[in-house]
C-alpha atoms as a PDB file:
ATOM      1  CA  MET A   1     -39.851   5.224 -14.128  1.00  0.00           C
ATOM      2  CA  VAL A   2     -39.672   3.270 -10.964  1.00  0.00           C
ATOM      3  CA  CYS A   3     -35.375   3.565 -11.059  1.00  0.00           C
ATOM      4  CA  GLY A   4     -35.880   7.114 -11.921  1.00  0.00           C
ATOM      5  CA  THR A   5     -38.110   7.534  -8.846  1.00  0.00           C
ATOM      6  CA  SER A   6     -35.498   5.939  -6.517  1.00  0.00           C
ATOM      7  CA  GLN A   7     -33.271   8.041  -7.580  1.00  0.00           C
ATOM      8  CA  ALA A   8     -34.991  11.345  -7.115  1.00  0.00           C
ATOM      9  CA  VAL A   9     -36.403   9.728  -3.545  1.00  0.00           C
ATOM     10  CA  ASN A  10     -32.415   9.497  -2.656  1.00  0.00           C
ATOM     11  CA  ASP A  11     -31.335  12.654  -3.900  1.00  0.00           C
ATOM     12  CA  TRP A  12     -34.054  14.519  -1.653  1.00  0.00           C
ATOM     13  CA  TYR A  13     -33.090  12.184   1.561  1.00  0.00           C
ATOM     14  CA  ASP A  14     -29.625  12.324   0.899  1.00  0.00           C
ATOM     15  CA  ARG A  15     -29.450  16.313   0.517  1.00  0.00           C
ATOM     16  CA  HIS A  16     -27.451  17.115   3.858  1.00  0.00           C
ATOM     17  CA  VAL A  17     -24.700  14.118   3.116  1.00  0.00           C
ATOM     18  CA  ASP A  18     -24.458  15.549  -0.637  1.00  0.00           C
ATOM     19  CA  ALA A  19     -23.739  18.994   0.814  1.00  0.00           C
ATOM     20  CA  ILE A  20     -20.723  17.643   2.163  1.00  0.00           C
ATOM     21  CA  ASN A  21     -19.787  14.891  -0.315  1.00  0.00           C
ATOM     22  CA  GLU A  22     -20.985  16.282  -3.773  1.00  0.00           C
ATOM     23  CA  PRO A  23     -22.002  19.892  -3.115  1.00  0.00           C
ATOM     24  CA  ASP A  24     -22.644  20.693  -6.712  1.00  0.00           C
ATOM     25  CA  ARG A  25     -25.327  18.128  -7.081  1.00  0.00           C
ATOM     26  CA  PRO A  26     -28.839  19.806  -8.094  1.00  0.00           C
ATOM     27  CA  ILE A  27     -30.453  20.104  -4.836  1.00  0.00           C
ATOM     28  CA  PRO A  28     -27.314  21.011  -2.322  1.00  0.00           C
ATOM     29  CA  SER A  29     -26.461  23.466  -4.789  1.00  0.00           C
ATOM     30  CA  GLY A  30     -30.006  25.031  -4.648  1.00  0.00           C
ATOM     31  CA  ARG A  31     -30.052  24.697  -8.597  1.00  0.00           C
ATOM     32  CA  ILE A  32     -33.505  22.597  -7.521  1.00  0.00           C
ATOM     33  CA  PRO A  33     -34.819  25.159  -4.626  1.00  0.00           C
ATOM     34  CA  GLY A  34     -36.931  24.428  -1.599  1.00  0.00           C
ATOM     35  CA  ARG A  35     -38.856  21.250  -1.563  1.00  0.00           C
ATOM     36  CA  TRP A  36     -39.079  20.495  -5.382  1.00  0.00           C
ATOM     37  CA  GLY A  37     -36.783  17.794  -5.086  1.00  0.00           C
ATOM     38  CA  LEU A  38     -39.341  15.868  -2.776  1.00  0.00           C
ATOM     39  CA  TYR A  39     -41.944  17.086  -4.903  1.00  0.00           C
ATOM     40  CA  ILE A  40     -40.684  15.487  -8.152  1.00  0.00           C
ATOM     41  CA  ALA A  41     -40.024  11.869  -5.922  1.00  0.00           C
ATOM     42  CA  ILE A  42     -43.809  12.088  -5.380  1.00  0.00           C
ATOM     43  CA  VAL A  43     -44.602  12.938  -8.847  1.00  0.00           C
ATOM     44  CA  TRP A  44     -42.546  10.101 -10.149  1.00  0.00           C
ATOM     45  CA  THR A  45     -43.872   7.874  -7.863  1.00  0.00           C
ATOM     46  CA  VAL A  46     -47.407   8.491  -8.648  1.00  0.00           C
ATOM     47  CA  LEU A  47     -46.484   8.258 -12.545  1.00  0.00           C
ATOM     48  CA  SER A  48     -45.066   5.325 -11.736  1.00  0.00           C
ATOM     49  CA  LEU A  49     -47.946   3.742 -10.242  1.00  0.00           C
ATOM     50  CA  LEU A  50     -50.060   5.039 -13.067  1.00  0.00           C
ATOM     51  CA  ILE A  51     -48.034   3.418 -15.927  1.00  0.00           C
ATOM     52  CA  ALA A  52     -46.937   0.031 -14.167  1.00  0.00           C
ATOM     53  CA  PRO A  53     -50.480  -1.386 -14.775  1.00  0.00           C
ATOM     54  CA  LEU A  54     -49.828  -1.354 -18.635  1.00  0.00           C
ATOM     55  CA  LEU A  55     -47.225  -4.121 -17.655  1.00  0.00           C
ATOM     56  CA  GLY A  56     -49.988  -6.687 -16.404  1.00  0.00           C
ATOM     57  CA  ASN A  57     -50.391  -7.411 -13.063  1.00  0.00           C
ATOM     58  CA  TRP A  58     -46.521  -8.808 -12.580  1.00  0.00           C
ATOM     59  CA  GLY A  59     -45.215  -5.405 -13.385  1.00  0.00           C
ATOM     60  CA  PHE A  60     -47.259  -3.455 -11.400  1.00  0.00           C
ATOM     61  CA  VAL A  61     -46.717  -5.827  -8.453  1.00  0.00           C
ATOM     62  CA  ALA A  62     -42.840  -5.304  -9.296  1.00  0.00           C
ATOM     63  CA  ALA A  63     -43.434  -1.848  -9.282  1.00  0.00           C
ATOM     64  CA  VAL A  64     -44.994  -1.428  -6.125  1.00  0.00           C
ATOM     65  CA  VAL A  65     -42.408  -3.779  -4.515  1.00  0.00           C
ATOM     66  CA  GLY A  66     -39.586  -1.454  -6.384  1.00  0.00           C
ATOM     67  CA  LEU A  67     -41.019   1.727  -5.152  1.00  0.00           C
ATOM     68  CA  VAL A  68     -41.833   0.868  -1.507  1.00  0.00           C
ATOM     69  CA  LEU A  69     -37.855  -0.408  -1.364  1.00  0.00           C
ATOM     70  CA  ALA A  70     -37.191   2.987  -3.192  1.00  0.00           C
ATOM     71  CA  TRP A  71     -38.735   4.999  -0.234  1.00  0.00           C
ATOM     72  CA  ALA A  72     -37.912   2.445   2.759  1.00  0.00           C
ATOM     73  CA  TYR A  73     -33.901   2.807   1.387  1.00  0.00           C
ATOM     74  CA  SER A  74     -34.178   6.536   1.741  1.00  0.00           C
ATOM     75  CA  ALA A  75     -36.931   8.015   3.766  1.00  0.00           C
ATOM     76  CA  PRO A  76     -37.325   7.936   7.568  1.00  0.00           C
ATOM     77  CA  PRO A  77     -38.556   6.271   9.615  1.00  0.00           C
ATOM     78  CA  ILE A  78     -36.856   3.265   8.167  1.00  0.00           C
ATOM     79  CA  ARG A  79     -34.061   4.391   6.053  1.00  0.00           C
ATOM     80  CA  LEU A  80     -32.430   1.235   5.181  1.00  0.00           C
ATOM     81  CA  LYS A  81     -29.580   2.985   4.045  1.00  0.00           C
ATOM     82  CA  GLN A  82     -28.450   3.766   7.732  1.00  0.00           C
ATOM     83  CA  ASN A  83     -27.357   0.572   7.758  1.00  0.00           C
ATOM     84  CA  GLY A  84     -24.730  -0.728   4.704  1.00  0.00           C
ATOM     85  CA  TRP A  85     -25.828  -4.559   4.679  1.00  0.00           C
ATOM     86  CA  TRP A  86     -29.431  -3.711   4.428  1.00  0.00           C
ATOM     87  CA  GLY A  87     -29.321  -0.899   2.259  1.00  0.00           C
ATOM     88  CA  ASN A  88     -27.435  -2.332  -0.366  1.00  0.00           C
ATOM     89  CA  ALA A  89     -29.412  -5.475  -0.130  1.00  0.00           C
ATOM     90  CA  ALA A  90     -32.599  -3.443  -0.782  1.00  0.00           C
ATOM     91  CA  CYS A  91     -30.466  -1.768  -3.914  1.00  0.00           C
ATOM     92  CA  GLY A  92     -29.151  -4.778  -4.946  1.00  0.00           C
ATOM     93  CA  LEU A  93     -32.566  -6.764  -5.090  1.00  0.00           C
ATOM     94  CA  CYS A  94     -34.460  -3.238  -6.794  1.00  0.00           C
ATOM     95  CA  TYR A  95     -31.477  -2.770  -9.262  1.00  0.00           C
ATOM     96  CA  GLU A  96     -30.599  -6.311 -10.273  1.00  0.00           C
ATOM     97  CA  GLY A  97     -33.112  -9.185  -8.734  1.00  0.00           C
ATOM     98  CA  LEU A  98     -36.468  -7.257  -9.608  1.00  0.00           C
ATOM     99  CA  PRO A  99     -35.830  -6.898 -13.185  1.00  0.00           C
ATOM    100  CA  TRP A 100     -34.749 -10.262 -13.915  1.00  0.00           C
ATOM    101  CA  PHE A 101     -37.907 -11.738 -12.097  1.00  0.00           C
ATOM    102  CA  THR A 102     -40.046  -9.344 -13.426  1.00  0.00           C
ATOM    103  CA  GLY A 103     -38.975  -9.581 -16.946  1.00  0.00           C
ATOM    104  CA  ALA A 104     -39.210 -13.077 -17.137  1.00  0.00           C
ATOM    105  CA  ALA A 105     -42.881 -12.931 -15.248  1.00  0.00           C
ATOM    106  CA  VAL A 106     -44.051 -10.329 -17.752  1.00  0.00           C
ATOM    107  CA  MET A 107     -42.824 -12.223 -20.680  1.00  0.00           C
ATOM    108  CA  SER A 108     -44.236 -15.862 -19.290  1.00  0.00           C
ATOM    109  CA  ALA A 109     -47.272 -14.227 -17.740  1.00  0.00           C
ATOM    110  CA  SER A 110     -46.448 -16.382 -14.990  1.00  0.00           C
ATOM    111  CA  ALA A 111     -43.860 -17.157 -11.814  1.00  0.00           C
ATOM    112  CA  PRO A 112     -40.621 -17.481 -13.231  1.00  0.00           C
ATOM    113  CA  ASP A 113     -38.807 -20.900 -13.062  1.00  0.00           C
ATOM    114  CA  TRP A 114     -36.593 -21.760 -10.027  1.00  0.00           C
ATOM    115  CA  ARG A 115     -33.315 -21.323 -12.102  1.00  0.00           C
ATOM    116  CA  ILE A 116     -34.503 -17.696 -13.149  1.00  0.00           C
ATOM    117  CA  VAL A 117     -35.108 -16.674  -9.725  1.00  0.00           C
ATOM    118  CA  LEU A 118     -31.727 -18.266  -8.485  1.00  0.00           C
ATOM    119  CA  ILE A 119     -29.797 -16.156 -11.489  1.00  0.00           C
ATOM    120  CA  ALA A 120     -31.676 -13.059 -10.166  1.00  0.00           C
ATOM    121  CA  LEU A 121     -30.898 -13.610  -6.572  1.00  0.00           C
ATOM    122  CA  LEU A 122     -27.259 -14.202  -7.848  1.00  0.00           C
ATOM    123  CA  TYR A 123     -27.388 -10.787  -9.625  1.00  0.00           C
ATOM    124  CA  SER A 124     -28.603  -9.063  -6.466  1.00  0.00           C
ATOM    125  CA  ILE A 125     -25.538 -10.511  -4.174  1.00  0.00           C
ATOM    126  CA  GLY A 126     -23.253  -9.135  -6.743  1.00  0.00           C
ATOM    127  CA  ALA A 127     -24.902  -5.974  -6.921  1.00  0.00           C
ATOM    128  CA  HIS A 128     -24.566  -5.636  -3.281  1.00  0.00           C
ATOM    129  CA  GLY A 129     -20.866  -5.505  -3.597  1.00  0.00           C
ATOM    130  CA  ILE A 130     -21.189  -2.708  -6.694  1.00  0.00           C
ATOM    131  CA  MET A 131     -23.308  -0.611  -3.943  1.00  0.00           C
ATOM    132  CA  THR A 132     -20.557  -1.043  -1.543  1.00  0.00           C
ATOM    133  CA  LEU A 133     -18.169   0.240  -4.060  1.00  0.00           C
ATOM    134  CA  ASN A 134     -20.526   3.418  -4.486  1.00  0.00           C
ATOM    135  CA  ASP A 135     -20.356   4.253  -1.125  1.00  0.00           C
ATOM    136  CA  PHE A 136     -16.466   5.039  -1.010  1.00  0.00           C
ATOM    137  CA  LYS A 137     -17.242   8.427  -2.438  1.00  0.00           C
ATOM    138  CA  SER A 138     -19.108   9.438   0.445  1.00  0.00           C
ATOM    139  CA  VAL A 139     -17.394   8.248   3.614  1.00  0.00           C
ATOM    140  CA  GLU A 140     -16.733  11.694   4.674  1.00  0.00           C
ATOM    141  CA  GLY A 141     -20.628  12.551   4.867  1.00  0.00           C
ATOM    142  CA  ASP A 142     -21.814   9.094   5.775  1.00  0.00           C
ATOM    143  CA  GLU A 143     -19.489   9.449   9.096  1.00  0.00           C
ATOM    144  CA  ARG A 144     -20.535  12.879   9.756  1.00  0.00           C
ATOM    145  CA  MET A 145     -24.250  12.093   9.248  1.00  0.00           C
ATOM    146  CA  GLY A 146     -24.042   8.888  11.062  1.00  0.00           C
ATOM    147  CA  ILE A 147     -24.443   6.498   8.027  1.00  0.00           C
ATOM    148  CA  ASP A 148     -23.444   3.059   8.634  1.00  0.00           C
ATOM    149  CA  SER A 149     -22.368   2.214   5.105  1.00  0.00           C
ATOM    150  CA  LEU A 150     -19.867  -0.664   4.806  1.00  0.00           C
ATOM    151  CA  PRO A 151     -16.737   1.438   4.062  1.00  0.00           C
ATOM    152  CA  VAL A 152     -17.658   3.338   7.464  1.00  0.00           C
ATOM    153  CA  LEU A 153     -18.295  -0.043   9.440  1.00  0.00           C
ATOM    154  CA  LEU A 154     -15.932  -2.267   8.056  1.00  0.00           C
ATOM    155  CA  GLY A 155     -13.050   0.456   7.193  1.00  0.00           C
ATOM    156  CA  VAL A 156     -12.032   1.240   3.405  1.00  0.00           C
ATOM    157  CA  ASP A 157      -9.436  -1.698   2.950  1.00  0.00           C
ATOM    158  CA  ASN A 158     -12.096  -4.313   4.589  1.00  0.00           C
ATOM    159  CA  ALA A 159     -15.243  -2.973   2.639  1.00  0.00           C
ATOM    160  CA  ALA A 160     -13.241  -2.985  -0.693  1.00  0.00           C
ATOM    161  CA  ARG A 161     -12.025  -6.692   0.078  1.00  0.00           C
ATOM    162  CA  PHE A 162     -15.551  -7.701   1.016  1.00  0.00           C
ATOM    163  CA  ALA A 163     -17.274  -5.849  -2.425  1.00  0.00           C
ATOM    164  CA  CYS A 164     -14.680  -7.926  -4.600  1.00  0.00           C
ATOM    165  CA  LEU A 165     -15.609 -11.080  -2.716  1.00  0.00           C
ATOM    166  CA  VAL A 166     -19.263 -10.339  -3.067  1.00  0.00           C
ATOM    167  CA  MET A 167     -18.858  -9.496  -6.913  1.00  0.00           C
ATOM    168  CA  VAL A 168     -16.789 -12.366  -7.724  1.00  0.00           C
ATOM    169  CA  VAL A 169     -18.701 -15.422  -5.901  1.00  0.00           C
ATOM    170  CA  PRO A 170     -21.894 -15.104  -7.939  1.00  0.00           C
ATOM    171  CA  GLN A 171     -20.039 -15.343 -10.852  1.00  0.00           C
END
């Protein structure tokens, strides 16, 4: 639910960039009209918060952290996505580190062992590189809309080298 929410939030706030890079997506193409994209993001946020307590305290806290990062990544005024370093770090933590940490915490009903936290952090670092690769499809729109993704900041070739390094080193 939280991951789906993050996608809905990002689709709404990226609609102007997507109109350039991926105009056939549901929001920029008009298949999801008006403010319905925003309403979907809000409803999914509420549903996530209603379901999360079923996973216990650790699950609820993880859902709140994930939702806060999802909105902070996409929505103004914070919009971590504006900076490829911070935005990719937030996604890496949410998509890789938080699930590892949460799964271990929920299963053990306690804080995970430091070794699990270390593995979660390594996976998060690797995911930073994956997120950099994901930005290659959006370079034109990012440049036009003032989003400092790593391919925009470093150039495509240097960003590709950086992404590969960041994915390999934690392995």
